Protein backbone atom coordinates (compact mmCIF):
# COMPACT_ATOMS: atom_id res chain seq x y z
CA MET A 1 65.50 54.52 40.66
CA THR A 2 63.06 52.10 39.04
CA PHE A 3 62.36 54.00 35.80
CA SER A 4 65.87 53.57 34.44
CA ASP A 5 66.60 50.22 36.12
CA PRO A 6 63.32 48.32 36.57
CA PHE A 7 64.98 44.94 37.22
CA PHE A 8 67.53 46.27 39.75
CA LYS A 9 70.53 45.24 37.64
CA ARG A 10 72.81 48.20 38.26
CA ASN A 11 75.25 48.02 41.12
CA TYR A 12 73.44 50.19 43.69
CA ASN A 13 70.00 48.76 42.95
CA ARG A 14 71.29 45.19 42.80
CA ASN A 15 72.98 45.59 46.19
CA PHE A 16 69.86 47.18 47.64
CA LEU A 17 67.71 44.25 46.49
CA LYS A 18 70.27 41.71 47.71
CA LEU A 19 70.36 43.37 51.12
CA ALA A 20 66.57 43.42 51.31
CA ARG A 21 66.43 39.69 50.52
CA GLU A 22 69.20 38.70 52.93
CA CYS A 23 68.14 40.76 55.94
CA LYS A 24 65.15 39.38 57.72
CA ASP A 25 64.65 42.71 59.55
CA LEU A 26 64.37 44.71 56.34
CA THR A 27 61.10 44.83 54.41
CA PHE A 28 60.87 46.26 50.91
CA TYR A 29 57.73 48.32 50.25
CA MET A 30 56.70 49.88 46.98
CA SER A 31 53.60 51.99 46.56
CA GLU A 32 51.12 51.08 43.87
CA ILE A 33 51.66 54.40 42.10
CA VAL A 34 55.43 53.79 41.89
CA TYR A 35 54.78 50.30 40.51
CA LYS A 36 52.32 51.61 37.92
CA GLU A 37 54.61 54.46 36.85
CA THR A 38 57.57 52.08 36.61
CA LYS A 39 55.50 49.72 34.47
CA ARG A 40 54.29 52.59 32.27
CA HIS A 41 57.86 53.81 31.67
CA PHE A 42 59.04 50.23 31.08
CA GLU A 43 56.36 49.64 28.45
CA LYS A 44 57.05 53.02 26.81
CA ASN A 45 60.79 52.31 26.61
CA ILE A 46 60.20 48.83 25.16
CA LYS A 47 57.87 50.12 22.48
CA GLU A 48 60.21 53.00 21.55
CA ASN A 49 63.19 50.67 21.23
CA LEU A 50 61.26 48.03 19.28
CA GLU A 51 59.97 50.66 16.84
CA LYS A 52 63.49 51.72 15.84
CA PRO A 53 64.43 48.50 14.00
CA ILE A 54 61.01 48.44 12.31
CA LYS A 55 61.62 51.95 10.98
CA VAL A 56 65.07 50.90 9.74
CA GLN A 57 63.56 47.82 8.09
CA ASN A 58 61.01 50.00 6.30
CA LYS A 59 63.77 52.32 5.03
CA LEU A 60 65.93 49.38 3.90
CA GLN A 61 62.97 47.88 2.04
CA ASN A 62 63.51 50.54 -0.65
CA TYR A 63 66.96 49.09 -1.36
CA ASN A 64 65.88 45.46 -1.59
CA ARG A 65 64.31 43.90 -4.68
CA GLY A 66 62.06 41.53 -2.74
CA ASP A 67 60.70 41.55 0.76
CA LEU A 68 63.30 42.10 3.45
CA GLU A 69 63.03 39.43 6.15
CA THR A 70 64.58 40.46 9.45
CA GLY A 71 62.40 38.72 12.03
CA ILE A 72 61.53 41.94 13.85
CA ASP A 73 57.87 41.93 12.90
CA LYS A 74 56.77 40.33 16.17
CA GLY A 75 57.08 43.52 18.22
CA ILE A 76 53.68 43.27 19.91
CA GLU A 77 54.34 39.70 21.05
CA LYS A 78 57.74 40.72 22.40
CA VAL A 79 56.20 43.64 24.32
CA ASN A 80 53.69 41.26 25.93
CA ASP A 81 56.45 38.77 26.81
CA LEU A 82 58.59 41.47 28.39
CA LEU A 83 55.63 42.88 30.32
CA GLY A 84 54.96 39.37 31.62
CA ASP A 85 58.57 39.14 32.82
CA PHE A 86 58.19 42.55 34.47
CA GLU A 87 55.03 41.56 36.32
CA LYS A 88 56.54 38.25 37.43
CA PHE A 89 59.66 39.99 38.76
CA TYR A 90 57.64 42.48 40.80
CA SER A 91 55.24 39.84 42.11
CA LEU A 92 58.25 38.00 43.56
CA LEU A 93 59.56 41.07 45.38
């Protein structure tokens, strides 16, 4: 449930989170291992998807006379920003 939708955006997960927040009798628990595995998959997916445009940029560099500027070189910073968002989201659950 959390590996493919870590921010509970899909319909079922979004409704589940909304119900947990609205109902005072319902408490949401997540084990530490589930949190860590969700975070590990989240980070892995981010890195994989950020590497794709970098690979494309490197291939396109052969067809450009000068340096190709695309603005995708800040992958590490973006990973850290997204991990910060992830941790903030889960700390508020």
